[in-house]
All heavy atoms as atom14 arrays in JSON, in Angstrom:
{
  "sequence": "DEARRTMKAAGVPVVPGLDEITDIAAAKKFAAE",
  "atom14_mask": [
    [1, 1, 1, 1, 1, 1, 1, 1, 0, 0, 0, 0, 0, 0],
    [1, 1, 1, 1, 1, 1, 1, 1, 1, 0, 0, 0, 0, 0],
    [1, 1, 1, 1, 1, 0, 0, 0, 0, 0, 0, 0, 0, 0],
    [1, 1, 1, 1, 1, 1, 1, 1, 1, 1, 1, 0, 0, 0],
    [1, 1, 1, 1, 1, 1, 1, 1, 1, 1, 1, 0, 0, 0],
    [1, 1, 1, 1, 1, 1, 1, 0, 0, 0, 0, 0, 0, 0],
    [1, 1, 1, 1, 1, 1, 1, 1, 0, 0, 0, 0, 0, 0],
    [1, 1, 1, 1, 1, 1, 1, 1, 1, 0, 0, 0, 0, 0],
    [1, 1, 1, 1, 1, 0, 0, 0, 0, 0, 0, 0, 0, 0],
    [1, 1, 1, 1, 1, 0, 0, 0, 0, 0, 0, 0, 0, 0],
    [1, 1, 1, 1, 0, 0, 0, 0, 0, 0, 0, 0, 0, 0],
    [1, 1, 1, 1, 1, 1, 1, 0, 0, 0, 0, 0, 0, 0],
    [1, 1, 1, 1, 1, 1, 1, 0, 0, 0, 0, 0, 0, 0],
    [1, 1, 1, 1, 1, 1, 1, 0, 0, 0, 0, 0, 0, 0],
    [1, 1, 1, 1, 1, 1, 1, 0, 0, 0, 0, 0, 0, 0],
    [1, 1, 1, 1, 1, 1, 1, 0, 0, 0, 0, 0, 0, 0],
    [1, 1, 1, 1, 0, 0, 0, 0, 0, 0, 0, 0, 0, 0],
    [1, 1, 1, 1, 1, 1, 1, 1, 0, 0, 0, 0, 0, 0],
    [1, 1, 1, 1, 1, 1, 1, 1, 0, 0, 0, 0, 0, 0],
    [1, 1, 1, 1, 1, 1, 1, 1, 1, 0, 0, 0, 0, 0],
    [1, 1, 1, 1, 1, 1, 1, 1, 0, 0, 0, 0, 0, 0],
    [1, 1, 1, 1, 1, 1, 1, 0, 0, 0, 0, 0, 0, 0],
    [1, 1, 1, 1, 1, 1, 1, 1, 0, 0, 0, 0, 0, 0],
    [1, 1, 1, 1, 1, 1, 1, 1, 0, 0, 0, 0, 0, 0],
    [1, 1, 1, 1, 1, 0, 0, 0, 0, 0, 0, 0, 0, 0],
    [1, 1, 1, 1, 1, 0, 0, 0, 0, 0, 0, 0, 0, 0],
    [1, 1, 1, 1, 1, 0, 0, 0, 0, 0, 0, 0, 0, 0],
    [1, 1, 1, 1, 1, 1, 1, 1, 1, 0, 0, 0, 0, 0],
    [1, 1, 1, 1, 1, 1, 1, 1, 1, 0, 0, 0, 0, 0],
    [1, 1, 1, 1, 1, 1, 1, 1, 1, 1, 1, 0, 0, 0],
    [1, 1, 1, 1, 1, 0, 0, 0, 0, 0, 0, 0, 0, 0],
    [1, 1, 1, 1, 1, 0, 0, 0, 0, 0, 0, 0, 0, 0],
    [1, 1, 1, 1, 1, 1, 1, 1, 1, 0, 0, 0, 0, 0]
  ],
  "atom14_positions": [
    [[0.83, -1.2, 0.0], [0.0, 0.0, 0.0], [0.87, 1.26, 0.0], [0.53, 2.26, -0.63], [-1.0, 0.0, 1.16], [-0.35, 0.06, 2.52], [0.66, -0.63, 2.71], [-0.85, 0.81, 3.39], [0.0, 0.0, 0.0], [0.0, 0.0, 0.0], [0.0, 0.0, 0.0], [0.0, 0.0, 0.0], [0.0, 0.0, 0.0], [0.0, 0.0, 0.0]],
    [[2.03, 1.21, 0.67], [2.99, 2.32, 0.61], [3.51, 2.47, -0.81], [3.67, 3.59, -1.32], [4.14, 2.07, 1.57], [5.31, 3.04, 1.44], [4.97, 4.47, 1.84], [3.94, 4.68, 2.51], [5.73, 5.37, 1.46], [0.0, 0.0, 0.0], [0.0, 0.0, 0.0], [0.0, 0.0, 0.0], [0.0, 0.0, 0.0], [0.0, 0.0, 0.0]],
    [[3.78, 1.35, -1.48], [4.24, 1.38, -2.86], [3.19, 2.01, -3.77], [3.51, 2.81, -4.66], [4.59, -0.03, -3.34], [0.0, 0.0, 0.0], [0.0, 0.0, 0.0], [0.0, 0.0, 0.0], [0.0, 0.0, 0.0], [0.0, 0.0, 0.0], [0.0, 0.0, 0.0], [0.0, 0.0, 0.0], [0.0, 0.0, 0.0], [0.0, 0.0, 0.0]],
    [[1.94, 1.66, -3.53], [0.84, 2.26, -4.31], [0.82, 3.77, -4.17], [0.72, 4.51, -5.16], [-0.52, 1.7, -3.83], [-1.03, 0.49, -4.54], [-2.34, 0.03, -3.91], [-3.3, 1.13, -3.8], [-4.14, 1.48, -4.76], [-4.14, 0.83, -5.91], [-4.99, 2.48, -4.59], [0.0, 0.0, 0.0], [0.0, 0.0, 0.0], [0.0, 0.0, 0.0]],
    [[0.93, 4.25, -2.93], [0.9, 5.69, -2.69], [2.09, 6.38, -3.36], [1.95, 7.46, -3.94], [0.89, 5.98, -1.19], [-0.41, 5.63, -0.49], [-0.46, 6.23, 0.92], [0.52, 5.6, 1.8], [0.26, 4.57, 2.57], [-0.94, 4.02, 2.55], [1.2, 4.07, 3.36], [0.0, 0.0, 0.0], [0.0, 0.0, 0.0], [0.0, 0.0, 0.0]],
    [[3.25, 5.74, -3.27], [4.46, 6.31, -3.86], [4.33, 6.42, -5.37], [4.68, 7.44, -5.97], [5.68, 5.45, -3.49], [5.8, 5.38, -2.07], [6.95, 6.03, -4.08], [0.0, 0.0, 0.0], [0.0, 0.0, 0.0], [0.0, 0.0, 0.0], [0.0, 0.0, 0.0], [0.0, 0.0, 0.0], [0.0, 0.0, 0.0], [0.0, 0.0, 0.0]],
    [[3.85, 5.36, -5.99], [3.71, 5.36, -7.45], [2.64, 6.35, -7.91], [2.8, 7.03, -8.92], [3.37, 3.95, -7.94], [4.48, 2.94, -7.75], [6.03, 3.4, -8.58], [7.02, 3.96, -7.19], [0.0, 0.0, 0.0], [0.0, 0.0, 0.0], [0.0, 0.0, 0.0], [0.0, 0.0, 0.0], [0.0, 0.0, 0.0], [0.0, 0.0, 0.0]],
    [[1.56, 6.42, -7.16], [0.49, 7.36, -7.51], [1.0, 8.79, -7.45], [0.72, 9.6, -8.35], [-0.69, 7.17, -6.55], [-1.94, 7.93, -6.92], [-3.09, 7.58, -5.97], [-4.37, 8.32, -6.34], [-5.48, 7.97, -5.41], [0.0, 0.0, 0.0], [0.0, 0.0, 0.0], [0.0, 0.0, 0.0], [0.0, 0.0, 0.0], [0.0, 0.0, 0.0]],
    [[1.78, 9.1, -6.42], [2.34, 10.44, -6.28], [3.34, 10.76, -7.4], [3.48, 11.92, -7.81], [3.02, 10.58, -4.92], [0.0, 0.0, 0.0], [0.0, 0.0, 0.0], [0.0, 0.0, 0.0], [0.0, 0.0, 0.0], [0.0, 0.0, 0.0], [0.0, 0.0, 0.0], [0.0, 0.0, 0.0], [0.0, 0.0, 0.0], [0.0, 0.0, 0.0]],
    [[4.0, 9.72, -7.9], [5.0, 9.92, -8.96], [4.38, 10.04, -10.34], [5.06, 10.37, -11.31], [6.0, 8.76, -8.95], [0.0, 0.0, 0.0], [0.0, 0.0, 0.0], [0.0, 0.0, 0.0], [0.0, 0.0, 0.0], [0.0, 0.0, 0.0], [0.0, 0.0, 0.0], [0.0, 0.0, 0.0], [0.0, 0.0, 0.0], [0.0, 0.0, 0.0]],
    [[3.08, 9.74, -10.45], [2.41, 9.83, -11.74], [2.33, 8.51, -12.49], [1.97, 8.48, -13.66], [0.0, 0.0, 0.0], [0.0, 0.0, 0.0], [0.0, 0.0, 0.0], [0.0, 0.0, 0.0], [0.0, 0.0, 0.0], [0.0, 0.0, 0.0], [0.0, 0.0, 0.0], [0.0, 0.0, 0.0], [0.0, 0.0, 0.0], [0.0, 0.0, 0.0]],
    [[2.64, 7.41, -11.8], [2.5, 6.08, -12.4], [1.06, 5.62, -12.17], [0.57, 5.66, -11.04], [3.49, 5.08, -11.76], [3.29, 3.67, -12.33], [4.93, 5.54, -11.97], [0.0, 0.0, 0.0], [0.0, 0.0, 0.0], [0.0, 0.0, 0.0], [0.0, 0.0, 0.0], [0.0, 0.0, 0.0], [0.0, 0.0, 0.0], [0.0, 0.0, 0.0]],
    [[0.34, 5.17, -13.21], [-1.07, 4.79, -13.03], [-1.22, 3.6, -12.1], [-0.47, 2.62, -12.18], [-1.53, 4.45, -14.45], [-0.29, 4.22, -15.24], [0.77, 5.06, -14.62], [0.0, 0.0, 0.0], [0.0, 0.0, 0.0], [0.0, 0.0, 0.0], [0.0, 0.0, 0.0], [0.0, 0.0, 0.0], [0.0, 0.0, 0.0], [0.0, 0.0, 0.0]],
    [[-2.19, 3.68, -11.18], [-2.45, 2.59, -10.25], [-3.92, 2.19, -10.34], [-4.77, 2.98, -10.76], [-2.11, 2.99, -8.79], [-0.64, 3.35, -8.66], [-2.99, 4.14, -8.31], [0.0, 0.0, 0.0], [0.0, 0.0, 0.0], [0.0, 0.0, 0.0], [0.0, 0.0, 0.0], [0.0, 0.0, 0.0], [0.0, 0.0, 0.0], [0.0, 0.0, 0.0]],
    [[-4.23, 0.97, -9.93], [-5.6, 0.49, -9.93], [-6.38, 1.26, -8.86], [-5.88, 1.47, -7.75], [-5.65, -1.02, -9.61], [-7.09, -1.53, -9.59], [-4.83, -1.8, -10.62], [0.0, 0.0, 0.0], [0.0, 0.0, 0.0], [0.0, 0.0, 0.0], [0.0, 0.0, 0.0], [0.0, 0.0, 0.0], [0.0, 0.0, 0.0], [0.0, 0.0, 0.0]],
    [[-7.62, 1.69, -9.16], [-8.42, 2.36, -8.13], [-8.54, 1.49, -6.89], [-8.8, 0.28, -6.99], [-9.79, 2.54, -8.82], [-9.48, 2.52, -10.28], [-8.33, 1.58, -10.44], [0.0, 0.0, 0.0], [0.0, 0.0, 0.0], [0.0, 0.0, 0.0], [0.0, 0.0, 0.0], [0.0, 0.0, 0.0], [0.0, 0.0, 0.0], [0.0, 0.0, 0.0]],
    [[-8.33, 2.1, -5.73], [-8.38, 1.3, -4.51], [-8.21, 2.11, -3.26], [-8.14, 3.35, -3.28], [0.0, 0.0, 0.0], [0.0, 0.0, 0.0], [0.0, 0.0, 0.0], [0.0, 0.0, 0.0], [0.0, 0.0, 0.0], [0.0, 0.0, 0.0], [0.0, 0.0, 0.0], [0.0, 0.0, 0.0], [0.0, 0.0, 0.0], [0.0, 0.0, 0.0]],
    [[-8.13, 1.4, -2.14], [-7.98, 1.99, -0.82], [-6.63, 1.56, -0.29], [-6.33, 0.36, -0.21], [-9.1, 1.48, 0.1], [-9.31, 2.16, 1.45], [-9.73, 3.61, 1.26], [-10.38, 1.39, 2.24], [0.0, 0.0, 0.0], [0.0, 0.0, 0.0], [0.0, 0.0, 0.0], [0.0, 0.0, 0.0], [0.0, 0.0, 0.0], [0.0, 0.0, 0.0]],
    [[-5.79, 2.53, 0.07], [-4.4, 2.23, 0.41], [-4.24, 1.33, 1.62], [-3.32, 0.52, 1.69], [-3.62, 3.54, 0.65], [-3.44, 4.32, -0.64], [-3.45, 3.7, -1.7], [-3.28, 5.55, -0.57], [0.0, 0.0, 0.0], [0.0, 0.0, 0.0], [0.0, 0.0, 0.0], [0.0, 0.0, 0.0], [0.0, 0.0, 0.0], [0.0, 0.0, 0.0]],
    [[-5.13, 1.42, 2.59], [-5.04, 0.54, 3.75], [-6.43, 0.36, 4.36], [-7.19, 1.31, 4.48], [-4.09, 1.11, 4.81], [-3.93, 0.22, 6.03], [-2.96, 0.79, 7.06], [-2.33, 1.83, 6.79], [-2.86, 0.2, 8.15], [0.0, 0.0, 0.0], [0.0, 0.0, 0.0], [0.0, 0.0, 0.0], [0.0, 0.0, 0.0], [0.0, 0.0, 0.0]],
    [[-6.76, -0.87, 4.72], [-8.04, -1.16, 5.36], [-7.88, -1.01, 6.86], [-7.25, -1.85, 7.52], [-8.53, -2.57, 5.01], [-8.73, -2.71, 3.49], [-9.84, -2.88, 5.74], [-9.08, -4.12, 3.04], [0.0, 0.0, 0.0], [0.0, 0.0, 0.0], [0.0, 0.0, 0.0], [0.0, 0.0, 0.0], [0.0, 0.0, 0.0], [0.0, 0.0, 0.0]],
    [[-8.4, 0.08, 7.4], [-8.32, 0.32, 8.85], [-9.7, 0.25, 9.5], [-9.81, 0.06, 10.71], [-7.69, 1.7, 9.14], [-8.45, 2.71, 8.45], [-6.25, 1.74, 8.65], [0.0, 0.0, 0.0], [0.0, 0.0, 0.0], [0.0, 0.0, 0.0], [0.0, 0.0, 0.0], [0.0, 0.0, 0.0], [0.0, 0.0, 0.0], [0.0, 0.0, 0.0]],
    [[-10.72, 0.41, 8.69], [-12.09, 0.4, 9.2], [-12.94, -0.43, 8.23], [-13.09, -0.06, 7.06], [-12.62, 1.84, 9.3], [-14.03, 1.9, 9.86], [-14.97, 1.48, 9.16], [-14.18, 2.39, 11.0], [0.0, 0.0, 0.0], [0.0, 0.0, 0.0], [0.0, 0.0, 0.0], [0.0, 0.0, 0.0], [0.0, 0.0, 0.0], [0.0, 0.0, 0.0]],
    [[-13.48, -1.54, 8.7], [-14.22, -2.45, 7.84], [-15.43, -1.77, 7.2], [-15.69, -1.91, 6.0], [-14.69, -3.7, 8.63], [-13.48, -4.57, 9.0], [-15.69, -4.52, 7.8], [-12.84, -5.28, 7.83], [0.0, 0.0, 0.0], [0.0, 0.0, 0.0], [0.0, 0.0, 0.0], [0.0, 0.0, 0.0], [0.0, 0.0, 0.0], [0.0, 0.0, 0.0]],
    [[-16.17, -1.01, 7.99], [-17.38, -0.36, 7.47], [-17.02, 0.65, 6.37], [-17.67, 0.69, 5.32], [-18.13, 0.34, 8.6], [0.0, 0.0, 0.0], [0.0, 0.0, 0.0], [0.0, 0.0, 0.0], [0.0, 0.0, 0.0], [0.0, 0.0, 0.0], [0.0, 0.0, 0.0], [0.0, 0.0, 0.0], [0.0, 0.0, 0.0], [0.0, 0.0, 0.0]],
    [[-15.99, 1.44, 6.61], [-15.57, 2.42, 5.61], [-15.05, 1.73, 4.35], [-15.31, 2.17, 3.23], [-14.49, 3.34, 6.19], [0.0, 0.0, 0.0], [0.0, 0.0, 0.0], [0.0, 0.0, 0.0], [0.0, 0.0, 0.0], [0.0, 0.0, 0.0], [0.0, 0.0, 0.0], [0.0, 0.0, 0.0], [0.0, 0.0, 0.0], [0.0, 0.0, 0.0]],
    [[-14.31, 0.65, 4.54], [-13.78, -0.09, 3.4], [-14.91, -0.72, 2.58], [-14.87, -0.74, 1.34], [-12.79, -1.16, 3.87], [0.0, 0.0, 0.0], [0.0, 0.0, 0.0], [0.0, 0.0, 0.0], [0.0, 0.0, 0.0], [0.0, 0.0, 0.0], [0.0, 0.0, 0.0], [0.0, 0.0, 0.0], [0.0, 0.0, 0.0], [0.0, 0.0, 0.0]],
    [[-15.91, -1.23, 3.29], [-17.06, -1.83, 2.6], [-17.83, -0.79, 1.79], [-18.26, -1.04, 0.65], [-17.99, -2.5, 3.63], [-19.13, -3.28, 2.99], [-20.08, -3.85, 4.02], [-19.44, -4.97, 4.81], [-20.43, -5.65, 5.7], [0.0, 0.0, 0.0], [0.0, 0.0, 0.0], [0.0, 0.0, 0.0], [0.0, 0.0, 0.0], [0.0, 0.0, 0.0]],
    [[-17.93, 0.4, 2.34], [-18.6, 1.49, 1.62], [-17.81, 1.87, 0.38], [-18.38, 2.09, -0.7], [-18.74, 2.71, 2.55], [-19.43, 3.89, 1.9], [-19.52, 5.08, 2.86], [-20.16, 6.29, 2.16], [-20.2, 7.47, 3.05], [0.0, 0.0, 0.0], [0.0, 0.0, 0.0], [0.0, 0.0, 0.0], [0.0, 0.0, 0.0], [0.0, 0.0, 0.0]],
    [[-16.47, 1.92, 0.52], [-15.62, 2.26, -0.62], [-15.75, 1.19, -1.71], [-15.81, 1.5, -2.9], [-14.17, 2.39, -0.18], [-13.22, 2.75, -1.28], [-13.05, 4.08, -1.66], [-12.5, 1.78, -1.96], [-12.19, 4.43, -2.68], [-11.63, 2.11, -2.98], [-11.47, 3.44, -3.34], [0.0, 0.0, 0.0], [0.0, 0.0, 0.0], [0.0, 0.0, 0.0]],
    [[-15.79, -0.09, -1.3], [-15.92, -1.18, -2.26], [-17.22, -1.06, -3.05], [-17.26, -1.3, -4.27], [-15.87, -2.52, -1.53], [0.0, 0.0, 0.0], [0.0, 0.0, 0.0], [0.0, 0.0, 0.0], [0.0, 0.0, 0.0], [0.0, 0.0, 0.0], [0.0, 0.0, 0.0], [0.0, 0.0, 0.0], [0.0, 0.0, 0.0], [0.0, 0.0, 0.0]],
    [[-18.28, -0.67, -2.37], [-19.56, -0.5, -3.06], [-19.49, 0.64, -4.06], [-20.1, 0.58, -5.14], [-20.66, -0.24, -2.03], [0.0, 0.0, 0.0], [0.0, 0.0, 0.0], [0.0, 0.0, 0.0], [0.0, 0.0, 0.0], [0.0, 0.0, 0.0], [0.0, 0.0, 0.0], [0.0, 0.0, 0.0], [0.0, 0.0, 0.0], [0.0, 0.0, 0.0]],
    [[-18.72, 1.68, -3.73], [-18.61, 2.85, -4.62], [-17.84, 2.51, -5.91], [-18.22, 2.96, -6.99], [-17.92, 3.99, -3.88], [-18.77, 4.62, -2.79], [-18.01, 5.62, -1.95], [-16.79, 5.78, -2.18], [-18.62, 6.25, -1.06], [0.0, 0.0, 0.0], [0.0, 0.0, 0.0], [0.0, 0.0, 0.0], [0.0, 0.0, 0.0], [0.0, 0.0, 0.0]]
  ]
}
């Protein structure tokens, strides 16, 4: 997930996603979106 953030900041395309799952409810909401 750190690698994802680093690459995204550098302008390398990354798959849409959530960098770290810290809250199940919030992650589930993001997955639905």
